[in-house]
N, C-alpha and C. Protein backbone atom coordinates (compact mmCIF):
# COMPACT_ATOMS: atom_id res chain seq x y z
N MET A 1 -22.79 -68.50 -30.30
CA MET A 1 -22.50 -67.20 -29.02
C MET A 1 -20.83 -67.46 -28.50
N VAL A 2 -20.23 -66.48 -28.79
CA VAL A 2 -18.65 -66.20 -27.94
C VAL A 2 -18.49 -65.52 -26.97
N HIS A 3 -18.30 -66.45 -25.74
CA HIS A 3 -17.63 -65.91 -24.72
C HIS A 3 -16.48 -65.26 -24.83
N THR A 4 -16.29 -64.09 -24.35
CA THR A 4 -14.99 -63.86 -23.76
C THR A 4 -14.69 -63.36 -22.47
N LYS A 5 -13.44 -63.91 -22.13
CA LYS A 5 -12.92 -63.75 -20.96
C LYS A 5 -12.46 -62.43 -20.76
N ILE A 6 -12.92 -61.22 -19.34
CA ILE A 6 -12.06 -60.28 -19.64
C ILE A 6 -11.36 -60.46 -18.06
N THR A 7 -10.56 -59.92 -18.26
CA THR A 7 -9.38 -60.03 -17.40
C THR A 7 -9.35 -58.64 -16.47
N ALA A 8 -8.94 -58.57 -15.38
CA ALA A 8 -8.63 -57.31 -14.66
C ALA A 8 -7.16 -56.73 -14.86
N ALA A 9 -6.28 -57.68 -15.42
CA ALA A 9 -5.46 -57.03 -15.65
C ALA A 9 -4.81 -55.99 -16.24
N PRO A 10 -5.18 -55.54 -17.42
CA PRO A 10 -5.18 -54.40 -18.00
C PRO A 10 -5.67 -53.17 -17.47
N VAL A 11 -6.68 -53.04 -16.82
CA VAL A 11 -7.56 -52.07 -16.02
C VAL A 11 -6.23 -51.65 -15.08
N CYS A 12 -6.00 -52.58 -13.91
CA CYS A 12 -5.02 -52.52 -12.97
C CYS A 12 -3.81 -51.48 -13.41
N ARG A 13 -3.10 -52.26 -14.81
CA ARG A 13 -1.59 -51.50 -15.70
C ARG A 13 -2.33 -50.11 -15.88
N GLY A 14 -3.34 -49.94 -16.57
CA GLY A 14 -3.85 -48.34 -16.97
C GLY A 14 -4.12 -47.77 -15.61
N ALA A 15 -4.26 -48.06 -14.54
CA ALA A 15 -4.79 -47.31 -13.38
C ALA A 15 -3.44 -47.06 -12.86
N PHE A 16 -2.51 -47.66 -12.74
CA PHE A 16 -1.43 -47.80 -12.12
C PHE A 16 -0.79 -46.75 -13.10
N LEU A 17 -0.80 -46.93 -14.12
CA LEU A 17 0.44 -46.15 -15.12
C LEU A 17 -0.82 -44.18 -14.57
N ILE A 18 -1.72 -44.44 -14.48
CA ILE A 18 -2.60 -42.96 -14.61
C ILE A 18 -1.96 -42.24 -13.24
N VAL A 19 -1.66 -43.20 -11.78
CA VAL A 19 -1.61 -42.66 -10.50
C VAL A 19 -0.16 -42.60 -10.52
N ALA A 20 0.81 -43.10 -11.10
CA ALA A 20 2.18 -42.97 -11.29
C ALA A 20 2.55 -41.50 -12.16
N ALA A 21 1.69 -41.36 -13.10
CA ALA A 21 1.85 -40.39 -14.19
C ALA A 21 1.43 -38.89 -13.31
N LEU A 22 0.46 -39.16 -12.25
CA LEU A 22 0.25 -37.87 -11.33
C LEU A 22 0.76 -37.79 -10.36
N GLY A 23 1.77 -38.59 -9.71
CA GLY A 23 2.58 -38.71 -9.05
C GLY A 23 3.70 -37.77 -9.24
N VAL A 24 4.13 -37.97 -10.46
CA VAL A 24 5.33 -37.44 -10.91
C VAL A 24 4.96 -36.06 -11.51
N LEU A 25 4.05 -36.07 -11.96
CA LEU A 25 3.37 -34.15 -12.19
C LEU A 25 3.17 -33.68 -10.91
N ALA A 26 2.68 -34.19 -9.86
CA ALA A 26 2.52 -33.41 -8.63
C ALA A 26 3.99 -33.21 -8.26
N ALA A 27 4.93 -34.19 -8.13
CA ALA A 27 6.14 -33.91 -7.65
C ALA A 27 6.82 -32.91 -8.68
N LEU A 28 6.58 -32.61 -9.96
CA LEU A 28 7.49 -31.65 -10.65
C LEU A 28 6.89 -30.30 -10.27
N MET A 29 5.02 -30.43 -10.25
CA MET A 29 4.60 -28.93 -9.91
C MET A 29 4.88 -28.57 -8.54
N SER A 30 5.31 -29.15 -7.65
CA SER A 30 5.72 -28.92 -5.95
C SER A 30 6.84 -28.27 -6.07
N GLY A 31 7.85 -28.76 -7.19
CA GLY A 31 9.22 -28.08 -7.50
C GLY A 31 8.92 -26.49 -7.92
N VAL A 32 8.09 -26.48 -9.04
CA VAL A 32 7.77 -25.16 -9.48
C VAL A 32 7.25 -24.16 -8.77
N ALA A 33 6.48 -24.90 -7.82
CA ALA A 33 5.71 -23.86 -6.60
C ALA A 33 6.95 -23.52 -5.85
N TYR A 34 7.63 -24.51 -5.69
CA TYR A 34 8.49 -23.96 -4.42
C TYR A 34 9.67 -22.89 -5.14
N ALA A 35 10.13 -23.04 -6.43
CA ALA A 35 10.84 -22.08 -6.86
C ALA A 35 10.07 -20.75 -7.10
N GLN A 36 8.82 -20.74 -7.55
CA GLN A 36 8.27 -19.53 -7.48
C GLN A 36 7.80 -18.94 -6.15
N SER A 37 8.03 -19.63 -5.44
CA SER A 37 7.58 -19.06 -3.67
C SER A 37 8.96 -18.39 -3.17
N GLY A 38 10.11 -18.63 -4.28
CA GLY A 38 11.17 -17.96 -3.44
C GLY A 38 11.90 -18.75 -2.29
N GLY A 39 11.17 -20.19 -2.08
CA GLY A 39 12.25 -21.05 -1.39
C GLY A 39 11.67 -20.72 -0.12
N GLU A 40 10.57 -20.41 -0.05
CA GLU A 40 10.08 -20.33 1.53
C GLU A 40 9.64 -21.78 2.11
N VAL A 41 10.20 -22.08 3.23
CA VAL A 41 10.09 -23.26 3.91
C VAL A 41 9.29 -23.32 4.87
N GLY A 42 9.58 -22.50 5.76
CA GLY A 42 8.76 -22.12 7.42
C GLY A 42 7.83 -21.49 7.23
N ALA A 43 7.02 -21.58 8.39
CA ALA A 43 5.85 -20.68 8.39
C ALA A 43 5.83 -19.12 8.89
N TYR A 44 5.08 -18.27 8.53
CA TYR A 44 5.30 -16.93 8.87
C TYR A 44 3.90 -16.07 9.12
N ASP A 45 3.87 -15.13 9.66
CA ASP A 45 2.68 -14.41 9.93
C ASP A 45 2.62 -13.11 8.59
N GLU A 46 1.82 -13.45 7.90
CA GLU A 46 1.79 -12.60 6.73
C GLU A 46 1.27 -11.08 7.38
N ALA A 47 0.47 -11.16 8.17
CA ALA A 47 0.29 -9.57 8.37
C ALA A 47 1.52 -8.99 8.99
N GLU A 48 2.07 -9.90 9.52
CA GLU A 48 3.52 -9.30 10.07
C GLU A 48 4.30 -8.85 9.07
N ALA A 49 4.33 -9.63 8.10
CA ALA A 49 5.22 -9.50 7.02
C ALA A 49 4.92 -8.35 6.13
N GLN A 50 3.22 -7.90 6.12
CA GLN A 50 2.89 -6.80 5.43
C GLN A 50 3.09 -5.44 6.10
N ALA A 51 3.09 -5.76 7.58
CA ALA A 51 3.37 -4.32 8.09
C ALA A 51 4.95 -3.94 8.10
N ILE A 52 5.99 -5.29 8.17
CA ILE A 52 7.35 -4.85 7.90
C ILE A 52 7.49 -4.33 6.26
N ASP A 53 6.83 -4.61 5.51
CA ASP A 53 6.96 -3.99 4.03
C ASP A 53 6.56 -2.62 4.03
N ARG A 54 5.85 -2.34 5.09
CA ARG A 54 5.11 -0.46 5.03
C ARG A 54 6.46 -0.03 6.01
N MET A 55 7.27 -0.63 6.45
CA MET A 55 8.13 0.09 7.15
C MET A 55 9.61 0.25 6.38
N LEU A 56 9.65 -0.44 5.52
CA LEU A 56 10.85 -0.76 4.67
C LEU A 56 10.48 0.51 3.23
N MET A 57 11.38 1.38 2.91
CA MET A 57 11.72 2.29 2.18
C MET A 57 12.35 1.52 0.58
N CYS A 58 11.48 1.70 -0.35
CA CYS A 58 12.30 1.23 -1.70
C CYS A 58 13.55 1.82 -2.15
N PRO A 59 14.77 1.11 -2.17
CA PRO A 59 15.98 2.10 -2.47
C PRO A 59 15.84 2.70 -3.93
N VAL A 60 15.13 2.22 -4.95
CA VAL A 60 15.34 2.68 -6.11
C VAL A 60 14.13 3.39 -6.53
N CYS A 61 12.81 3.73 -5.73
CA CYS A 61 11.70 4.51 -5.86
C CYS A 61 11.67 5.19 -5.03
N PRO A 62 11.28 6.77 -5.40
CA PRO A 62 11.56 7.65 -4.37
C PRO A 62 10.33 8.00 -3.54
N ALA A 63 10.28 7.54 -2.47
CA ALA A 63 8.81 8.22 -1.37
C ALA A 63 8.04 6.89 -1.53
N GLN A 64 8.43 5.62 -1.56
CA GLN A 64 7.36 4.52 -1.89
C GLN A 64 8.22 3.18 -0.92
N THR A 65 7.37 3.00 -0.09
CA THR A 65 7.83 1.33 0.60
C THR A 65 7.60 0.17 -0.27
N ILE A 66 8.20 -0.87 0.23
CA ILE A 66 8.70 -2.06 -0.69
C ILE A 66 7.27 -2.41 -1.06
N ASP A 67 6.07 -2.24 -0.03
CA ASP A 67 5.30 -2.59 -0.59
C ASP A 67 3.80 -2.13 -1.58
N GLN A 68 4.49 -0.60 -1.97
CA GLN A 68 3.81 -0.16 -2.64
C GLN A 68 4.40 -0.43 -4.30
N THR A 69 5.50 -0.79 -4.79
CA THR A 69 5.84 -0.83 -5.73
C THR A 69 6.25 -2.23 -6.22
N GLU A 70 6.39 -2.74 -7.60
CA GLU A 70 6.67 -3.60 -8.14
C GLU A 70 8.07 -4.07 -8.33
N VAL A 71 8.85 -2.96 -8.60
CA VAL A 71 10.25 -3.11 -8.84
C VAL A 71 10.96 -4.38 -8.51
N PRO A 72 11.84 -4.99 -9.25
CA PRO A 72 12.45 -6.27 -9.29
C PRO A 72 12.91 -6.06 -7.55
N LEU A 73 13.81 -5.28 -7.42
CA LEU A 73 14.51 -5.16 -6.02
C LEU A 73 13.55 -5.09 -5.08
N ALA A 74 12.56 -4.53 -4.93
CA ALA A 74 11.38 -4.72 -4.03
C ALA A 74 10.66 -5.68 -3.59
N LYS A 75 10.71 -6.53 -4.95
CA LYS A 75 10.25 -8.13 -4.55
C LYS A 75 11.02 -8.78 -3.83
N GLN A 76 12.16 -8.45 -4.49
CA GLN A 76 13.26 -9.46 -3.59
C GLN A 76 13.21 -9.18 -2.34
N MET A 77 13.09 -7.80 -2.11
CA MET A 77 13.49 -7.24 -0.10
C MET A 77 12.10 -8.01 0.27
N ARG A 78 10.78 -8.04 -0.30
CA ARG A 78 9.77 -8.90 0.65
C ARG A 78 10.01 -10.34 0.47
N ALA A 79 10.28 -10.84 -0.15
CA ALA A 79 10.94 -11.90 -0.39
C ALA A 79 11.91 -12.50 0.78
N GLN A 80 12.55 -11.52 1.17
CA GLN A 80 13.79 -11.70 2.43
C GLN A 80 13.05 -11.35 3.71
N VAL A 81 12.12 -10.35 3.52
CA VAL A 81 11.66 -10.43 4.73
C VAL A 81 10.82 -11.25 5.19
N ARG A 82 10.14 -12.12 4.16
CA ARG A 82 9.55 -13.61 4.45
C ARG A 82 10.19 -14.27 5.03
N GLU A 83 11.52 -14.62 4.30
CA GLU A 83 12.30 -15.67 4.95
C GLU A 83 13.19 -15.60 6.13
N LEU A 84 13.21 -14.33 6.35
CA LEU A 84 13.53 -13.79 7.68
C LEU A 84 12.60 -14.22 8.77
N LEU A 85 11.73 -14.13 8.54
CA LEU A 85 10.10 -14.34 9.49
C LEU A 85 9.99 -15.59 9.84
N ALA A 86 10.34 -16.74 8.30
CA ALA A 86 10.16 -17.64 8.53
C ALA A 86 11.34 -18.66 9.37
N ASP A 87 12.53 -17.99 9.19
CA ASP A 87 13.66 -18.43 10.27
C ASP A 87 13.45 -17.90 11.75
N GLY A 88 12.80 -17.39 11.79
CA GLY A 88 12.01 -16.89 13.40
C GLY A 88 12.76 -15.66 13.67
N ALA A 89 12.99 -14.75 12.78
CA ALA A 89 13.23 -13.35 13.33
C ALA A 89 12.09 -12.53 13.59
N THR A 90 12.64 -11.64 14.45
CA THR A 90 11.65 -10.53 14.70
C THR A 90 11.12 -9.41 14.21
N ARG A 91 10.30 -8.75 14.21
CA ARG A 91 10.00 -7.45 13.49
C ARG A 91 11.45 -6.93 13.40
N LYS A 92 11.75 -6.56 14.80
CA LYS A 92 13.13 -5.21 14.99
C LYS A 92 14.48 -6.25 14.74
N GLU A 93 14.52 -7.87 14.54
CA GLU A 93 15.89 -7.98 13.92
C GLU A 93 15.56 -8.21 12.34
N VAL A 94 14.39 -8.20 11.95
CA VAL A 94 14.40 -7.58 10.21
C VAL A 94 14.63 -6.38 10.03
N LEU A 95 14.10 -5.53 11.12
CA LEU A 95 14.54 -3.94 10.19
C LEU A 95 16.29 -3.92 10.57
N ALA A 96 16.58 -4.37 11.51
CA ALA A 96 18.02 -4.09 11.88
C ALA A 96 18.61 -4.96 10.45
N TRP A 97 18.35 -6.08 10.06
CA TRP A 97 19.20 -6.89 9.12
C TRP A 97 19.41 -5.89 7.80
N PHE A 98 18.02 -5.29 7.45
CA PHE A 98 17.90 -4.45 5.87
C PHE A 98 18.82 -3.37 6.64
N SER A 99 18.60 -2.66 7.40
CA SER A 99 19.17 -1.10 7.87
C SER A 99 20.82 -1.31 8.30
N ALA A 100 21.43 -2.45 8.58
CA ALA A 100 22.69 -2.48 8.80
C ALA A 100 23.52 -2.00 7.45
N PRO A 101 24.39 -1.16 7.85
CA PRO A 101 25.33 -0.37 6.86
C PRO A 101 26.07 -0.87 5.72
N GLU A 102 26.02 -2.67 6.25
CA GLU A 102 26.55 -2.84 4.52
C GLU A 102 25.78 -3.63 3.75
N ARG A 103 24.45 -3.28 4.21
CA ARG A 103 23.32 -3.62 3.24
C ARG A 103 22.31 -2.45 2.58
N TYR A 104 21.43 -1.75 3.23
CA TYR A 104 20.88 -0.92 2.71
C TYR A 104 21.01 0.51 3.50
N GLY A 105 21.60 0.32 4.73
CA GLY A 105 21.90 1.57 5.87
C GLY A 105 20.48 2.01 6.35
N PRO A 106 20.57 2.66 7.29
CA PRO A 106 19.44 3.48 8.10
C PRO A 106 18.40 4.38 6.94
N GLY A 107 18.61 4.60 5.94
CA GLY A 107 17.87 5.41 5.12
C GLY A 107 16.86 4.16 4.60
N VAL A 108 17.04 3.38 4.65
CA VAL A 108 15.84 2.07 4.15
C VAL A 108 14.83 2.41 5.00
N LEU A 109 14.52 2.73 6.24
CA LEU A 109 13.67 3.01 7.03
C LEU A 109 12.74 3.56 7.02
N ALA A 110 11.08 3.18 6.79
CA ALA A 110 10.41 4.36 6.85
C ALA A 110 10.06 5.73 7.38
N GLU A 111 10.66 5.56 8.83
CA GLU A 111 11.01 6.42 9.96
C GLU A 111 12.09 6.24 10.46
N PRO A 112 12.50 7.36 10.95
CA PRO A 112 14.01 7.39 11.72
C PRO A 112 13.82 6.72 13.16
N PRO A 113 14.95 6.06 13.15
CA PRO A 113 15.12 5.74 14.80
C PRO A 113 14.66 6.99 15.74
N ARG A 114 14.26 6.51 16.58
CA ARG A 114 13.69 7.34 17.50
C ARG A 114 15.22 7.62 18.67
N SER A 115 16.15 7.84 18.48
CA SER A 115 17.46 7.76 19.21
C SER A 115 18.30 8.35 18.38
N GLY A 116 19.52 9.18 19.17
CA GLY A 116 20.42 9.84 18.62
C GLY A 116 20.44 10.95 17.86
N PHE A 117 20.85 10.79 16.85
CA PHE A 117 20.64 13.00 16.34
C PHE A 117 19.34 12.42 15.55
N ASN A 118 18.78 11.29 15.25
CA ASN A 118 17.53 11.12 14.66
C ASN A 118 16.46 11.59 15.59
N LEU A 119 16.73 11.95 16.87
CA LEU A 119 15.57 12.07 17.71
C LEU A 119 15.04 13.42 17.39
N ILE A 120 16.04 14.42 16.62
CA ILE A 120 15.73 15.66 15.87
C ILE A 120 14.51 15.54 15.40
N ALA A 121 14.39 14.64 14.46
CA ALA A 121 13.45 14.61 13.45
C ALA A 121 11.93 14.65 13.89
N TRP A 122 12.27 14.02 15.50
CA TRP A 122 10.84 13.54 16.30
C TRP A 122 10.12 14.91 16.94
N ILE A 123 11.60 15.52 17.38
CA ILE A 123 11.24 16.57 18.63
C ILE A 123 10.87 17.86 17.75
N VAL A 124 11.65 18.11 17.12
CA VAL A 124 11.45 19.49 16.27
C VAL A 124 10.29 19.85 16.10
N PRO A 125 9.45 18.87 14.67
CA PRO A 125 7.85 19.27 14.61
C PRO A 125 7.23 19.68 15.68
N GLY A 126 7.03 18.93 16.87
CA GLY A 126 6.46 19.17 17.78
C GLY A 126 6.63 20.66 18.67
N VAL A 127 7.97 20.90 18.79
CA VAL A 127 7.87 21.98 19.21
C VAL A 127 7.80 23.17 18.41
N ILE A 128 7.74 23.19 17.49
CA ILE A 128 7.34 24.12 16.21
C ILE A 128 5.98 24.36 16.50
N VAL A 129 4.89 23.04 16.55
CA VAL A 129 3.61 23.44 16.59
C VAL A 129 3.23 23.97 17.90
N VAL A 130 3.91 23.58 18.90
CA VAL A 130 4.12 23.98 20.18
C VAL A 130 3.86 25.77 20.31
N VAL A 131 5.38 26.41 19.91
CA VAL A 131 5.35 27.54 19.53
C VAL A 131 4.57 28.26 18.44
N ALA A 132 4.04 27.86 17.71
CA ALA A 132 2.79 28.25 16.60
C ALA A 132 1.60 28.50 17.38
N LEU A 133 1.48 27.69 18.35
CA LEU A 133 0.13 27.85 19.02
C LEU A 133 0.20 28.90 19.93
N ALA A 134 1.22 29.20 20.65
CA ALA A 134 1.57 30.17 21.46
C ALA A 134 1.52 31.34 21.31
N GLY A 135 2.17 31.41 20.09
CA GLY A 135 2.33 33.04 19.10
C GLY A 135 0.82 33.36 19.12
N GLY A 136 -0.26 31.83 18.45
CA GLY A 136 -1.13 32.46 18.13
C GLY A 136 -2.33 32.68 19.51
N VAL A 137 -1.88 32.60 20.43
CA VAL A 137 -2.46 32.78 21.61
C VAL A 137 -2.54 34.53 22.28
N PHE A 138 -0.95 34.66 22.25
CA PHE A 138 -0.58 35.87 22.56
C PHE A 138 -0.96 36.94 21.61
N THR A 139 -0.78 36.54 20.53
CA THR A 139 -1.60 37.57 19.24
C THR A 139 -3.20 37.71 19.74
N LEU A 140 -3.58 36.69 19.65
CA LEU A 140 -4.93 36.93 19.98
C LEU A 140 -5.78 37.77 21.37
N ARG A 141 -4.59 37.70 22.30
CA ARG A 141 -4.89 38.18 23.76
C ARG A 141 -4.44 39.98 23.42
N ALA A 142 -3.25 40.13 22.51
CA ALA A 142 -3.01 41.35 22.44
C ALA A 142 -4.02 42.06 21.55
N MET A 143 -4.76 41.36 20.50
CA MET A 143 -5.88 41.93 19.82
C MET A 143 -7.18 42.23 20.29
N ARG A 144 -7.30 41.48 21.70
CA ARG A 144 -8.69 41.98 22.31
C ARG A 144 -8.27 42.78 23.50
N ARG A 145 -6.82 43.29 23.74
CA ARG A 145 -6.37 44.16 24.81
C ARG A 145 -6.72 45.68 24.30
N PRO A 146 -7.46 46.45 25.25
CA PRO A 146 -7.52 47.83 24.83
C PRO A 146 -6.17 48.56 24.09
N THR A 147 -6.29 49.29 23.22
CA THR A 147 -5.03 50.03 22.84
C THR A 147 -4.00 51.06 23.83
N GLY A 148 -5.20 51.64 24.76
CA GLY A 148 -4.44 52.55 25.75
C GLY A 148 -5.61 53.19 26.32
N ASP A 149 -4.75 54.39 27.49
CA ASP A 149 -6.00 55.26 28.02
C ASP A 149 -6.69 55.77 27.29
N ALA A 150 -7.60 56.71 27.59
CA ALA A 150 -8.12 57.87 26.98
C ALA A 150 -7.28 59.20 27.07
N ASP A 151 -6.69 59.10 27.94
CA ASP A 151 -5.53 60.40 28.54
C ASP A 151 -4.64 60.23 27.35
N SER A 152 -4.24 58.97 26.98
CA SER A 152 -3.10 59.22 26.12
C SER A 152 -3.79 59.25 24.37
N ALA A 153 -5.29 58.89 24.41
CA ALA A 153 -5.48 59.11 23.15
C ALA A 153 -6.11 60.59 22.54
N SER A 154 -6.68 61.57 23.88
CA SER A 154 -6.58 62.66 23.71
C SER A 154 -5.36 63.57 23.48
N GLY A 155 -4.63 63.09 24.17
CA GLY A 155 -3.16 63.36 23.94
C GLY A 155 -2.38 63.68 22.62
N ALA A 156 -2.95 62.57 21.98
CA ALA A 156 -2.44 62.19 20.69
C ALA A 156 -3.31 62.86 19.46
N ALA A 157 -4.30 63.46 19.51
CA ALA A 157 -5.39 64.02 18.98
C ALA A 157 -5.04 65.46 19.35
N ASP A 158 -4.62 65.92 20.35
CA ASP A 158 -4.09 67.23 20.63
C ASP A 158 -2.97 67.88 19.83
N ASP A 159 -1.99 66.74 19.46
CA ASP A 159 -0.71 66.96 18.66
C ASP A 159 -1.09 66.97 17.35
N LEU A 160 -2.48 66.45 17.12
CA LEU A 160 -2.86 66.72 15.56
C LEU A 160 -3.77 67.82 15.37
N GLN A 161 -3.78 68.39 16.17
CA GLN A 161 -4.78 69.40 16.13
C GLN A 161 -4.31 70.84 15.07
N PRO A 162 -3.10 71.05 15.06
CA PRO A 162 -2.53 71.94 14.25
C PRO A 162 -2.92 71.46 12.48
N TYR A 163 -2.91 70.36 12.48
CA TYR A 163 -2.39 69.56 11.03
C TYR A 163 -3.95 69.65 10.52
N LEU A 164 -4.84 69.11 11.69
CA LEU A 164 -6.25 69.08 11.15
C LEU A 164 -6.94 70.27 10.71
N ALA A 165 -6.65 71.50 11.66
CA ALA A 165 -6.95 72.83 11.05
C ALA A 165 -6.41 73.21 10.01
N ALA A 166 -5.00 72.90 9.65
CA ALA A 166 -4.58 73.54 8.16
C ALA A 166 -5.29 72.70 7.10
N VAL A 167 -5.90 71.38 7.36
CA VAL A 167 -6.51 70.64 6.37
C VAL A 167 -7.80 71.34 6.24
N ASP A 168 -8.67 71.60 7.41
CA ASP A 168 -9.64 71.83 7.48
C ASP A 168 -9.61 73.62 6.16
N ARG A 169 -8.61 74.33 6.90
CA ARG A 169 -8.59 75.49 5.94
C ARG A 169 -8.58 75.41 4.64
N ASP A 170 -7.54 74.54 4.49
CA ASP A 170 -7.50 74.22 2.90
C ASP A 170 -9.17 73.65 2.11
N LEU A 171 -9.72 72.97 2.63
CA LEU A 171 -10.93 72.46 2.41
C LEU A 171 -11.85 73.54 2.37
N ALA A 172 -11.75 74.49 3.15
CA ALA A 172 -12.78 75.54 3.34
C ALA A 172 -12.32 76.68 2.06
N ILE A 173 -11.07 77.03 1.57
CA ILE A 173 -10.59 77.88 0.62
C ILE A 173 -11.04 77.22 -0.91
N GLU A 174 -10.68 75.77 -1.08
CA GLU A 174 -11.12 75.09 -2.19
C GLU A 174 -12.99 75.21 -2.48
N THR A 175 -13.19 75.06 -1.13
CA THR A 175 -15.01 75.11 -1.32
C THR A 175 -15.51 76.05 -1.60
N GLU A 176 -14.90 77.52 -1.11
CA GLU A 176 -15.17 79.21 -1.42
C GLU A 176 -14.90 78.82 -2.85
N THR A 177 -13.62 78.65 -3.27
CA THR A 177 -13.34 78.64 -4.91
C THR A 177 -14.06 78.31 -5.77
N GLU A 178 -14.53 77.07 -5.53
CA GLU A 178 -15.79 76.09 -6.24
C GLU A 178 -16.96 76.94 -6.45
N GLN A 179 -17.60 77.23 -5.11
CA GLN A 179 -18.79 78.38 -5.39
C GLN A 179 -18.93 79.48 -6.08
N ASN A 180 -17.94 80.28 -5.79
CA ASN A 180 -17.56 81.80 -6.72
C ASN A 180 -17.25 81.12 -8.51
N ASP A 181 -16.71 80.06 -8.38
CA ASP A 181 -16.39 79.79 -10.08
C ASP A 181 -17.86 79.29 -10.49
N GLY A 182 -18.81 78.70 -10.00
CA GLY A 182 -19.82 78.01 -10.48
C GLY A 182 -20.90 78.89 -10.43
């Protein structure tokens, strides 16, 4: 019988190589994940980022916010929102950054600011609704009101008496003619 001596050195070397390979692989994968994430480093509130996404219009997609579309520009804008939030910007600062004249201008905002000339967009619809409701109330009141006095109604009927008499005569003549022919 032959006895062989087993040493631990090859096993340790193999384990070391596996651990080293996994370390290199992890380092490479973290670089790939960092590149795919758009380079985000800091922490931010994803719910806040999504709320801001719904407040910014996509410049290339008509009537769509950047959270509704998948065009490359919208993806870049969403990444920029997250980067600004990670840097500590507030919602107001992020919206101001995008609506700056040198970037996208105020047209990128989903709702117009409630100041200056844009205030008209907030006031006019309310005024139109109030005027329409008031007009409806006045119309209903006018429809429920009696049309006039009994005297004025009888006066109008008196004015029509000569015409009504002429119609009655014509009908009587036609009726007599039909009876004589028949």
